[in-house]
Protein backbone atom coordinates (compact mmCIF):
# COMPACT_ATOMS: atom_id res chain seq x y z
CA MET A 1 88.30 167.63 183.72
CA ASP A 2 92.11 168.04 183.52
CA ASN A 3 93.08 165.54 186.21
CA ILE A 4 95.53 163.07 184.50
CA PHE A 5 94.43 160.15 186.75
CA TYR A 6 90.72 160.66 185.90
CA GLN A 7 91.52 160.85 182.18
CA LEU A 8 93.82 157.81 182.32
CA ALA A 9 91.19 155.83 184.18
CA LEU A 10 88.56 156.65 181.58
CA VAL A 11 90.89 155.77 178.64
CA LEU A 12 92.18 152.56 180.16
CA VAL A 13 88.78 151.24 181.25
CA LEU A 14 87.41 151.88 177.81
CA ALA A 15 90.41 150.34 176.14
CA SER A 16 90.35 147.19 178.37
CA GLY A 17 86.61 146.67 177.73
CA ILE A 18 86.96 146.99 173.96
CA GLY A 19 90.14 144.92 174.14
CA LEU A 20 88.34 142.00 175.70
CA PHE A 21 85.85 141.94 172.81
CA VAL A 22 88.52 142.29 170.19
CA LEU A 23 90.47 139.36 171.63
CA LYS A 24 87.25 137.31 171.72
CA VAL A 25 86.85 137.76 167.99
CA LYS A 26 90.62 137.10 167.42
CA LEU A 27 91.55 140.54 166.11
CA PRO A 28 94.83 142.39 166.95
CA LEU A 29 94.79 144.63 169.96
CA VAL A 30 95.75 147.66 167.95
CA VAL A 31 92.19 147.63 166.51
CA ALA A 32 90.77 147.91 170.04
CA TYR A 33 93.01 150.95 170.75
CA LEU A 34 92.01 152.66 167.52
CA ILE A 35 88.28 152.08 168.23
CA THR A 36 88.82 153.46 171.75
CA GLY A 37 90.23 156.64 170.18
CA LEU A 38 87.31 156.90 167.77
CA VAL A 39 84.83 156.53 170.60
CA LEU A 40 86.60 159.27 172.60
CA SER A 41 86.53 161.57 169.54
CA VAL A 42 82.73 161.12 169.21
CA VAL A 43 81.64 161.04 172.92
CA ARG A 44 84.16 163.73 174.11
CA LEU A 45 84.47 162.57 177.72
CA PHE A 46 87.17 165.27 178.14
CA ASP A 47 89.01 167.81 176.04
CA LEU A 48 91.28 165.71 173.82
CA GLY A 49 93.09 168.68 172.41
CA HIS A 50 94.50 169.79 175.80
CA SER A 51 94.71 166.40 177.52
CA PRO A 52 97.87 165.71 179.55
CA VAL A 53 97.45 161.99 178.69
CA PHE A 54 97.74 162.58 174.90
CA GLU A 55 100.10 165.50 174.77
CA VAL A 56 103.24 163.68 175.93
CA LEU A 57 102.74 160.02 176.83
CA PRO A 58 102.20 158.64 173.31
CA GLU A 59 105.55 160.06 172.15
CA ILE A 60 107.29 158.22 174.97
CA GLY A 61 105.86 155.02 173.66
CA ILE A 62 107.16 155.73 170.14
CA ALA A 63 110.63 156.48 171.62
CA PHE A 64 110.73 153.18 173.53
CA VAL A 65 109.62 151.17 170.43
CA LEU A 66 112.32 152.57 168.11
CA PHE A 67 114.98 152.34 170.90
CA LEU A 68 114.33 148.60 171.25
CA ILE A 69 114.21 148.12 167.47
CA GLY A 70 117.62 149.88 167.12
CA MET A 71 119.14 147.39 169.50
CA GLU A 72 118.14 144.59 167.16
CA LEU A 73 120.00 146.10 164.19
CA LYS A 74 122.84 144.07 162.64
CA LEU A 75 125.14 146.12 160.45
CA ASN A 76 126.03 143.09 158.17
CA GLU A 77 122.38 142.85 157.30
CA LEU A 78 122.36 146.47 156.04
CA LYS A 79 125.21 145.54 153.61
CA VAL A 80 122.97 142.76 152.08
CA LEU A 81 119.63 144.47 152.28
CA GLY A 82 120.60 148.11 151.90
CA LYS A 83 120.19 148.41 148.11
CA PRO A 84 116.69 146.81 147.81
CA ILE A 85 115.51 148.72 150.89
CA PHE A 86 116.65 152.10 149.59
CA ILE A 87 115.56 151.63 145.99
CA ALA A 88 112.09 150.16 146.94
CA ALA A 89 111.48 152.91 149.51
CA ILE A 90 112.47 155.81 147.31
CA GLY A 91 110.79 154.25 144.22
CA GLN A 92 107.55 153.73 146.11
CA ILE A 93 107.52 157.32 147.38
CA ILE A 94 108.02 158.76 143.94
CA ILE A 95 105.39 156.50 142.30
CA SER A 96 102.84 156.85 145.07
CA THR A 97 103.25 160.62 145.19
CA LEU A 98 102.63 160.88 141.41
CA LEU A 99 99.69 158.50 141.42
CA GLY A 100 98.20 160.15 144.56
CA TYR A 101 98.59 163.53 142.86
CA ALA A 102 96.81 162.27 139.80
CA ILE A 103 93.95 160.72 141.76
CA SER A 104 93.57 163.95 143.84
CA ARG A 105 93.36 166.05 140.76
CA LEU A 106 90.70 163.82 139.33
CA LEU A 107 88.77 164.16 142.57
CA GLY A 108 88.75 167.92 142.29
CA PHE A 109 91.66 169.04 144.46
CA GLY A 110 94.06 171.77 143.47
CA SER A 111 97.62 171.31 142.49
CA SER A 112 99.14 172.08 145.94
CA GLU A 113 96.58 169.89 147.74
CA GLY A 114 97.09 167.08 145.21
CA LEU A 115 100.85 167.11 145.87
CA TYR A 116 100.44 167.09 149.65
CA LEU A 117 97.84 164.32 149.55
CA GLY A 118 100.09 162.28 147.21
CA LEU A 119 102.97 162.62 149.63
CA GLY A 120 100.65 161.73 152.56
CA LEU A 121 99.60 158.48 150.84
CA ALA A 122 103.26 157.55 150.11
CA PHE A 123 104.32 157.18 153.82
CA SER A 124 103.55 154.09 155.93
CA SER A 125 103.32 153.86 159.69
CA THR A 126 106.53 152.82 161.44
CA VAL A 127 104.86 152.40 164.79
CA VAL A 128 101.96 150.32 163.47
CA VAL A 129 104.22 147.91 161.51
CA ILE A 130 106.59 147.43 164.45
CA LYS A 131 103.62 146.80 166.73
CA MET A 132 102.24 144.10 164.39
CA LEU A 133 105.63 142.48 163.92
CA LEU A 134 106.07 142.31 167.68
CA GLU A 135 102.73 140.67 168.14
CA SER A 136 103.35 138.06 165.46
CA ARG A 137 107.00 137.62 166.52
CA ASP A 138 108.18 138.28 163.01
CA LEU A 139 110.51 141.11 163.80
CA SER A 140 113.65 139.10 162.96
CA SER A 141 112.22 137.63 159.73
CA LEU A 142 113.42 138.82 156.33
CA PHE A 143 110.20 140.60 155.50
CA GLY A 144 110.32 142.16 158.95
CA LYS A 145 113.76 143.52 158.39
CA LEU A 146 112.84 144.76 154.91
CA SER A 147 109.73 146.45 156.28
CA ILE A 148 111.55 148.28 159.09
CA GLY A 149 114.44 149.33 156.78
CA MET A 150 112.09 150.93 154.25
CA LEU A 151 110.06 152.61 156.96
CA LEU A 152 113.19 154.25 158.33
CA VAL A 153 114.13 155.51 154.87
CA GLU A 154 110.53 156.89 154.53
CA ASP A 155 110.96 158.68 157.87
CA LEU A 156 114.19 160.32 156.68
CA VAL A 157 112.53 161.35 153.44
CA ALA A 158 109.52 162.78 155.43
CA ILE A 159 111.97 164.81 157.51
CA ALA A 160 113.61 166.16 154.42
CA VAL A 161 110.28 167.06 152.94
CA LEU A 162 109.35 168.92 156.14
CA MET A 163 112.61 170.86 155.92
CA MET A 164 111.95 171.78 152.31
CA ILE A 165 108.42 172.94 153.04
CA SER A 166 109.77 175.14 155.79
CA VAL A 167 111.88 177.11 153.31
CA SER A 168 110.27 180.47 152.70
CA SER A 169 108.65 180.97 149.33
CA SER A 170 110.85 183.98 148.78
CA ALA A 171 113.99 181.81 148.97
CA ILE A 172 112.69 179.09 146.57
CA GLY A 173 114.14 179.39 143.11
CA THR A 174 116.99 181.77 144.14
CA GLY A 175 119.67 179.13 143.89
CA LEU A 176 121.94 178.04 146.77
CA PRO A 177 120.23 179.88 149.64
CA ALA A 178 117.12 177.78 149.13
CA SER A 179 119.09 174.57 149.66
CA TYR A 180 120.69 175.65 152.95
CA PRO A 181 118.08 173.88 155.15
CA LEU A 182 118.47 170.60 153.23
CA LEU A 183 122.21 170.86 153.17
CA MET A 184 122.21 171.47 156.96
CA LEU A 185 119.95 168.52 157.43
CA LEU A 186 122.37 166.25 155.52
CA LEU A 187 125.35 167.56 157.60
CA LYS A 188 123.41 167.10 160.83
CA ALA A 189 122.41 163.56 159.76
CA ALA A 190 126.05 162.65 159.04
CA GLY A 191 127.13 164.11 162.34
CA LEU A 192 124.47 162.14 164.24
CA PHE A 193 125.47 158.85 162.59
CA VAL A 194 129.19 159.48 163.33
CA LEU A 195 128.38 160.41 166.90
CA THR A 196 126.36 157.16 167.29
CA PHE A 197 129.33 155.09 166.07
CA VAL A 198 131.91 156.91 168.21
CA LEU A 199 129.86 156.67 171.44
CA SER A 200 129.02 153.04 170.80
CA LYS A 201 132.56 151.99 170.17
CA TYR A 202 134.49 154.03 172.78
CA ILE A 203 132.25 155.16 175.59
CA LEU A 204 128.91 153.41 176.04
CA ASN A 205 130.23 149.90 176.61
CA LYS A 206 132.44 151.14 179.48
CA VAL A 207 129.57 153.15 181.00
CA PHE A 208 127.20 150.18 180.98
CA GLU A 209 129.92 147.86 182.21
CA TYR A 210 130.09 149.90 185.42
CA THR A 211 126.26 150.26 185.81
CA ALA A 212 125.64 146.60 185.08
CA HIS A 213 126.57 145.79 188.69
CA SER A 214 123.12 147.02 189.64
CA LYS A 215 120.09 145.97 187.62
CA GLU A 216 118.21 149.07 188.74
CA LEU A 217 121.04 151.39 187.77
CA LEU A 218 121.42 149.68 184.42
CA TYR A 219 117.72 150.22 183.82
CA ILE A 220 117.87 153.89 184.71
CA THR A 221 121.03 154.49 182.75
CA SER A 222 119.60 152.90 179.62
CA ILE A 223 116.45 155.12 179.80
CA THR A 224 118.63 158.18 180.44
CA TRP A 225 120.63 157.36 177.31
CA CYS A 226 117.49 156.91 175.24
CA PHE A 227 115.93 160.25 176.28
CA ALA A 228 119.23 162.20 176.16
CA PHE A 229 120.17 161.08 172.62
CA THR A 230 116.58 161.38 171.33
CA SER A 231 116.45 164.94 172.70
CA LEU A 232 119.73 165.76 170.93
CA ALA A 233 118.30 164.40 167.64
CA VAL A 234 115.04 166.39 168.07
CA PHE A 235 117.11 169.53 168.80
CA ALA A 236 119.02 168.93 165.53
CA GLY A 237 115.72 168.83 163.63
CA PHE A 238 115.07 165.12 163.38
CA SER A 239 112.05 163.14 164.56
CA ILE A 240 111.70 161.22 167.80
CA GLU A 241 111.65 158.00 165.78
CA ILE A 242 115.11 158.61 164.21
CA GLY A 243 116.62 159.76 167.51
CA ALA A 244 115.37 156.81 169.51
CA PHE A 245 116.26 154.39 166.77
CA LEU A 246 119.92 155.63 166.66
CA ALA A 247 120.10 155.52 170.51
CA GLY A 248 119.20 151.83 170.26
CA VAL A 249 121.69 151.21 167.43
CA ALA A 250 124.42 152.56 169.69
CA LEU A 251 123.63 149.74 172.17
CA ALA A 252 123.18 147.00 169.61
CA SER A 253 126.69 145.61 170.27
CA SER A 254 126.48 145.97 173.99
CA PRO A 255 126.56 142.67 175.96
CA TYR A 256 123.78 144.03 178.17
CA HIS A 257 121.22 144.82 175.44
CA MET A 258 119.10 141.75 176.29
CA GLN A 259 118.75 142.86 179.90
CA ILE A 260 117.85 146.39 178.91
CA GLN A 261 115.17 145.12 176.46
CA ALA A 262 113.58 142.91 179.07
CA LYS A 263 113.22 145.78 181.49
CA ILE A 264 111.84 148.36 179.00
CA LYS A 265 109.29 146.17 177.12
CA PRO A 266 106.47 146.45 179.75
CA MET A 267 106.70 150.22 179.69
CA ARG A 268 106.77 150.23 175.88
CA ASP A 269 103.49 148.35 175.70
CA PHE A 270 101.70 150.82 178.05
CA PHE A 271 102.81 154.04 176.30
CA LEU A 272 102.29 152.48 172.85
CA ALA A 273 98.70 151.62 173.62
CA LEU A 274 98.11 155.30 174.44
CA PHE A 275 99.67 156.29 171.10
CA PHE A 276 97.17 154.24 169.13
CA ILE A 277 94.26 155.55 171.24
CA TYR A 278 95.44 159.07 170.46
CA LEU A 279 95.78 158.28 166.76
CA GLY A 280 92.20 156.96 166.71
CA SER A 281 90.95 160.13 168.33
CA THR A 282 92.35 162.36 165.60
CA ALA A 283 89.69 161.35 163.08
CA GLU A 284 86.86 163.87 163.00
CA PHE A 285 84.11 161.92 161.19
CA ARG A 286 81.38 164.32 162.08
CA ASP A 287 82.49 166.94 159.51
CA LEU A 288 83.45 164.43 156.83
CA ARG A 289 80.12 163.14 155.43
CA ALA A 290 80.60 164.72 152.06
CA SER A 291 84.18 163.45 151.84
CA ILE A 292 83.34 159.76 152.52
CA PRO A 293 83.84 158.71 148.84
CA ILE A 294 87.23 160.48 148.76
CA ILE A 295 88.22 158.74 152.06
CA VAL A 296 87.22 155.28 150.71
CA ILE A 297 89.21 155.84 147.43
CA PHE A 298 92.34 156.94 149.29
CA THR A 299 92.01 154.05 151.77
CA LEU A 300 91.67 151.55 148.95
CA TYR A 301 94.76 153.06 147.38
CA ALA A 302 96.77 152.51 150.54
CA LEU A 303 95.45 148.94 150.97
CA ILE A 304 95.74 147.73 147.40
CA ILE A 305 97.73 149.94 144.99
CA LYS A 306 100.57 150.83 147.29
CA PRO A 307 101.34 147.22 148.16
CA VAL A 308 101.35 146.32 144.46
CA VAL A 309 103.97 149.07 143.88
CA TYR A 310 106.12 147.69 146.71
CA MET A 311 105.84 144.13 145.38
CA ALA A 312 106.73 145.19 141.86
CA LEU A 313 109.87 146.98 143.10
CA LEU A 314 111.03 144.28 145.53
CA SER A 315 110.56 141.51 142.98
CA ARG A 316 113.38 142.98 140.88
CA PHE A 317 115.87 141.80 143.55
CA GLY A 318 114.94 138.13 143.46
CA PHE A 319 112.87 137.92 146.61
CA ARG A 320 110.26 135.05 146.67
CA LYS A 321 106.65 135.99 146.24
CA HIS A 322 105.83 135.11 149.90
CA THR A 323 108.50 137.59 151.16
CA ILE A 324 107.41 140.45 148.85
CA PHE A 325 103.76 139.83 149.75
CA GLN A 326 104.34 139.93 153.50
CA THR A 327 106.57 142.98 153.24
CA ALA A 328 104.08 144.86 151.05
CA LEU A 329 101.18 143.94 153.27
CA ASN A 330 103.02 145.24 156.30
CA LEU A 331 103.32 148.63 154.58
CA SER A 332 99.63 148.92 153.43
CA GLN A 333 98.47 151.87 155.56
CA VAL A 334 98.91 155.61 155.85
CA SER A 335 101.42 156.99 158.38
CA GLU A 336 100.84 159.39 161.27
CA PHE A 337 103.77 161.27 159.76
CA SER A 338 101.54 162.09 156.82
CA LEU A 339 99.32 164.21 159.15
CA ILE A 340 102.37 166.19 160.27
CA VAL A 341 103.34 166.90 156.54
CA LEU A 342 99.83 168.08 155.82
CA LEU A 343 99.74 170.16 159.01
CA VAL A 344 102.84 172.04 157.97
CA GLY A 345 101.27 172.72 154.61
CA VAL A 346 98.14 174.08 156.21
CA ASN A 347 100.20 176.36 158.54
CA ALA A 348 102.08 177.63 155.46
CA GLY A 349 98.71 178.45 153.82
CA LEU A 350 99.35 176.16 150.93
CA ILE A 351 96.39 173.78 151.41
CA GLU A 352 92.98 173.80 153.00
CA PRO A 353 92.43 172.39 156.61
CA ILE A 354 89.88 169.78 155.34
CA THR A 355 92.79 167.86 153.84
CA ILE A 356 94.10 167.03 157.33
CA SER A 357 90.73 165.72 158.41
CA ILE A 358 90.49 163.58 155.26
CA MET A 359 94.02 162.17 155.71
CA ALA A 360 93.35 161.48 159.43
CA ALA A 361 90.26 159.39 158.53
CA VAL A 362 92.23 157.59 155.85
CA ALA A 363 95.07 156.89 158.39
CA VAL A 364 92.72 155.48 160.98
CA LEU A 365 90.67 153.33 158.49
CA SER A 366 93.78 152.05 156.62
CA ILE A 367 95.60 151.23 159.86
CA THR A 368 92.60 149.37 161.25
CA VAL A 369 92.03 147.27 158.08
CA SER A 370 95.77 146.76 157.51
CA SER A 371 96.23 145.46 161.08
CA ILE A 372 93.51 142.89 160.54
CA LEU A 373 94.91 141.81 157.15
CA ILE A 374 98.37 141.43 158.66
CA SER A 375 96.96 139.42 161.52
CA PHE A 376 95.38 137.03 159.00
CA SER A 377 98.20 137.23 156.45
CA LYS A 378 98.56 133.49 156.01
CA LYS A 379 94.92 133.06 155.07
CA VAL A 380 95.04 136.17 152.87
CA TYR A 381 98.15 134.91 151.11
CA LYS A 382 96.69 131.68 149.77
CA PRO A 383 94.05 133.12 147.26
CA VAL A 384 96.36 135.95 146.03
CA ALA A 385 99.57 133.90 145.73
CA PRO A 386 99.11 133.21 141.98
CA LEU A 387 98.58 136.93 141.30
CA VAL A 388 101.67 137.80 143.36
CA GLY A 389 103.57 135.17 141.43
CA LEU A 390 103.05 137.29 138.24
CA LEU A 391 105.33 139.89 139.71
CA GLU A 392 108.09 137.46 140.84
CA THR A 393 111.33 137.55 138.89
CA LYS A 394 111.93 134.08 137.49
CA GLY A 395 115.44 132.55 137.53
CA LYS A 396 116.74 135.05 140.09
CA SER A 397 117.24 134.54 143.83
CA HIS A 398 118.29 137.03 146.43
CA TYR A 399 121.27 136.06 148.62
CA TYR A 400 118.99 135.26 151.60
CA GLU A 401 116.55 133.20 149.53
CA ARG A 402 118.79 130.94 147.48
CA LYS A 403 117.91 127.25 147.23
CA VAL A 404 119.95 124.27 148.41
CA ASN A 405 121.18 122.28 145.40
CA ASP A 406 121.83 119.04 147.18
CA THR A 407 119.29 116.32 146.52
CA LEU A 408 118.47 114.83 149.95
CA VAL A 409 117.12 111.39 150.65
CA GLU A 410 116.26 109.80 153.99
CA HIS A 411 117.27 113.03 155.72
CA ILE A 412 116.15 115.02 158.81
CA ILE A 413 114.37 118.36 158.47
CA VAL A 414 114.95 120.83 161.32
CA ILE A 415 112.69 123.89 161.34
CA GLY A 416 113.89 126.56 163.69
CA ALA A 417 117.57 126.66 164.66
CA HIS A 418 117.63 129.12 167.56
CA ARG A 419 117.20 128.11 171.28
CA VAL A 420 115.66 124.62 171.04
CA GLY A 421 116.96 123.82 167.57
CA SER A 422 120.59 124.90 167.87
CA PRO A 423 121.79 121.88 169.90
CA ILE A 424 119.96 119.58 167.49
CA VAL A 425 121.64 121.17 164.47
CA ARG A 426 125.06 121.10 166.17
CA TYR A 427 124.70 117.31 166.90
CA LEU A 428 123.51 116.46 163.42
CA HIS A 429 126.29 118.46 161.84
CA ASP A 430 129.04 117.01 164.10
CA ASN A 431 127.88 113.44 163.41
CA GLN A 432 127.47 114.03 159.61
CA ILE A 433 123.81 112.90 159.64
CA PRO A 434 122.05 114.18 156.42
CA PHE A 435 119.76 117.06 157.27
CA ILE A 436 118.52 120.45 156.19
CA VAL A 437 117.62 123.49 158.33
CA MET A 438 114.96 126.08 157.68
CA ASP A 439 114.71 129.28 159.77
CA PHE A 440 112.89 132.57 159.24
CA ASN A 441 115.76 134.63 160.65
CA PRO A 442 118.13 135.47 157.77
CA THR A 443 121.02 136.12 160.16
CA ILE A 444 120.78 132.60 161.64
CA VAL A 445 120.60 131.08 158.14
CA HIS A 446 123.62 133.14 157.01
CA ASN A 447 125.70 131.90 160.08
CA LEU A 448 124.74 128.31 159.42
CA VAL A 449 125.65 128.49 155.71
CA GLU A 450 129.00 129.94 156.66
CA LYS A 451 129.57 126.88 158.79
CA GLY A 452 128.80 124.49 155.95
CA VAL A 453 125.22 123.63 157.05
CA ASN A 454 122.48 123.01 154.57
CA ALA A 455 120.21 125.88 155.53
CA VAL A 456 117.48 127.85 153.81
CA TYR A 457 115.51 130.97 154.77
CA GLY A 458 111.76 130.41 154.91
CA ASP A 459 108.50 130.47 156.82
CA ILE A 460 106.14 127.55 157.37
CA GLY A 461 103.41 129.86 156.13
CA ASP A 462 104.99 129.84 152.69
CA PRO A 463 103.82 126.72 150.77
CA GLU A 464 106.55 127.13 148.16
CA ILE A 465 109.33 126.62 150.73
CA ILE A 466 108.38 123.03 151.23
CA GLU A 467 109.83 121.97 147.85
CA PHE A 468 113.22 123.29 149.01
CA LEU A 469 113.15 120.85 152.04
CA HIS A 470 112.51 117.68 149.98
CA LEU A 471 109.77 116.79 152.42
CA GLU A 472 108.50 113.87 150.41
CA LYS A 473 111.88 112.12 150.92
CA ALA A 474 112.47 113.02 154.63
CA LYS A 475 112.73 110.46 157.38
CA LEU A 476 112.24 112.75 160.33
CA VAL A 477 110.72 116.24 160.65
CA ILE A 478 111.48 118.38 163.71
CA CYS A 479 109.79 121.71 164.19
CA THR A 480 110.90 123.83 167.17
CA ALA A 481 108.46 126.67 166.43
CA SER A 482 105.74 127.01 169.03
CA ASP A 483 103.01 128.59 166.92
CA PHE A 484 100.01 126.17 166.79
CA SER A 485 98.73 127.11 163.35
CA ASP A 486 102.26 126.66 161.92
CA ASN A 487 102.62 123.30 163.46
CA GLU A 488 99.25 122.17 162.27
CA LEU A 489 99.97 123.37 158.70
CA LEU A 490 103.37 121.52 158.68
CA LEU A 491 101.78 118.36 160.14
CA ASN A 492 99.07 118.32 157.38
CA LEU A 493 101.61 118.97 154.66
CA THR A 494 103.92 116.18 155.88
CA LYS A 495 101.06 113.63 156.14
CA GLU A 496 99.91 114.61 152.64
CA VAL A 497 103.24 114.06 150.86
CA ASN A 498 105.03 111.61 153.16
CA LYS A 499 102.97 109.49 155.50
CA GLU A 500 106.05 107.44 156.55
CA ALA A 501 107.92 110.44 158.03
CA THR A 502 108.13 110.81 161.80
CA VAL A 503 106.99 114.28 163.00
CA VAL A 504 108.21 115.98 166.07
CA LEU A 505 106.51 119.30 166.99
CA ARG A 506 106.70 121.87 169.80
CA ALA A 507 103.75 123.18 171.87
CA LEU A 508 103.39 125.97 174.32
CA ASP A 509 101.25 124.03 176.76
CA SER A 510 99.80 120.50 177.39
CA GLU A 511 96.43 121.41 175.82
CA TYR A 512 98.02 122.28 172.48
CA ALA A 513 100.29 119.25 172.82
CA ARG A 514 97.22 116.97 173.24
CA ILE A 515 95.55 118.44 170.09
CA LEU A 516 98.72 117.99 168.00
CA LYS A 517 98.96 114.41 169.12
CA THR A 518 95.34 113.89 168.17
CA LEU A 519 96.07 115.33 164.74
CA GLY A 520 98.83 112.77 164.13
CA ALA A 521 102.07 114.18 165.61
CA ASP A 522 104.39 111.33 166.68
CA TYR A 523 105.97 113.35 169.54
CA VAL A 524 105.25 116.80 170.92
CA LEU A 525 107.95 118.71 172.71
CA LEU A 526 107.26 120.81 175.79
CA PRO A 527 110.74 122.26 176.58
CA GLU A 528 110.02 123.33 180.15
CA LYS A 529 108.52 119.98 181.01
CA VAL A 530 111.35 118.09 179.36
CA SER A 531 114.00 120.16 181.25
CA GLY A 532 112.21 119.65 184.54
CA ASP A 533 111.74 115.86 184.00
CA TYR A 534 115.41 115.51 183.03
CA ILE A 535 116.66 117.19 186.20
CA VAL A 536 114.31 115.06 188.39
CA HIS A 537 115.56 111.96 186.57
CA GLN A 538 119.19 112.87 187.22
CA ILE A 539 118.62 113.68 190.89
CA LYS A 540 116.87 110.33 191.35
CA HIS A 541 119.77 108.38 189.82
CA TYR A 542 122.79 110.51 190.75
CA TRP A 543 121.93 112.12 194.02
CA PRO A 544 125.15 111.21 195.92
CA ASN A 545 127.32 112.89 193.28
CA VAL A 546 125.35 116.21 193.12
CA ASN A 547 127.64 119.14 193.72
CA PHE A 548 126.15 122.66 194.18
CA LYS A 549 129.40 124.58 194.65
CA ASP A 550 130.27 125.06 190.96
CA GLY A 551 126.83 124.57 189.50
CA ILE A 552 124.89 121.29 189.31
CA THR A 553 126.96 118.41 188.06
CA PHE A 554 126.19 114.74 187.68
CA ASN A 555 129.08 112.28 187.66
CA ASN A 556 131.37 115.19 186.88
CA LYS A 557 129.27 116.03 183.71
CA ALA A 558 127.79 119.52 183.77
CA ILE A 559 124.21 120.03 182.52
CA SER A 560 124.92 123.57 181.26
CA SER A 561 124.45 122.19 177.77
CA LEU A 562 120.73 122.21 178.47
CA VAL A 563 120.67 126.03 178.47
């Protein structure tokens, strides 16, 4: 049945039912979507190959995801992270392609098929990684930025590979004519980047300044820009991912990018779910019984060997073992882009169609297992940390992961310096109270260091970071992160090394607050409740002086500092 509403109803009912079970067992939702696709590929409730649901809608989800990611890009971060991102991404592609080729040859594949399978194993899934980073709220972390940067480099390499494959065999080896497609790709890429910069600096800010008077018009204009620029990129021979990403980059400096993001995120989640369901449906397991050992070997390569290659390359730049582990784990799967590369090879008559089915199965399995591992990365890290430490470069620290040299005693530790933590940090700094800040956003850490604040990059899930904070000598520990497991871990570590320290934590709701108090927290912060109680207190005591004309003021003192 070709009715799109009928097909959507079947897909969403199935995805919702499986999603409830997946949430019950505390697995990421992407697993539910992949299982939904697998069920559809086996049961065949409708023709998946000609479904209006899967032909267009998943690509819209990809465009929205990369559009929003582009708006998060900070150019100053590229200056600091550009070299490790480029070298690690290119190095991994070369090494994985060679190793994948060797493994394929040992498994009985021909030279051409071995090369294509090696290339397929080298690429990781941009959409999957971003989805997991969004769910874990690690998008702004150092390992999140490294992961996204390397994935975008891989996408550019994949596009270049596709262009080279498209060169006719008669042109290969004849000199300059064979390089025309690649040269044109480089020229188009340069033109696209220049166009992004020019439009961002001279045109888009003015356009959105006019449309911002209407939230609805701002929303429509932003979507129009996303689709228009992405279409231009696709017309020039680039992927949807690259086009949508650059469209977002053009709005990164816009003062309205936060409003745009808030409007688009709900649509992104819907379309992205359809993409993962579609990806799950591409695996044809019925014809792959004889290839199961090959699928298992390739999947293990993606989950184990490829992350080791990433870790070995990143460790050369002085990143701590927790950072290189998290980054490598994020990239431990096979990309949907790999299927496109193999499809082009099949259409060119260079490889057999069975290779696509094998790679599709590897992609689905590796994405499923990788998503679960990423979801439980803190538990996975503990047993493998000593092994990862063997790859760590001793005596060398990257700019973002340098230590604080000051020996602190009787100091305050502030973990998280963004919304809740920023006024605390500002007060401590202004009053010259000894303290140290830890945040997992390298941009925030960089800005604090520039202002002369003792700040280090780190994640509570990294046990090694605790030694940088001098926790055993601290007088007060304040954590503004709302993740319950992070707060529980910090509380246990503090009580273990410094029972005298006062611990202030943050909770999302009163139930979590009660549990943290039971576990030994001295005070648990509920920001919404504190803000409400404060306003009620002020109204009770200063009601005659309340003035609503210029905002709420109490005794001529504005409460805007609460925001």
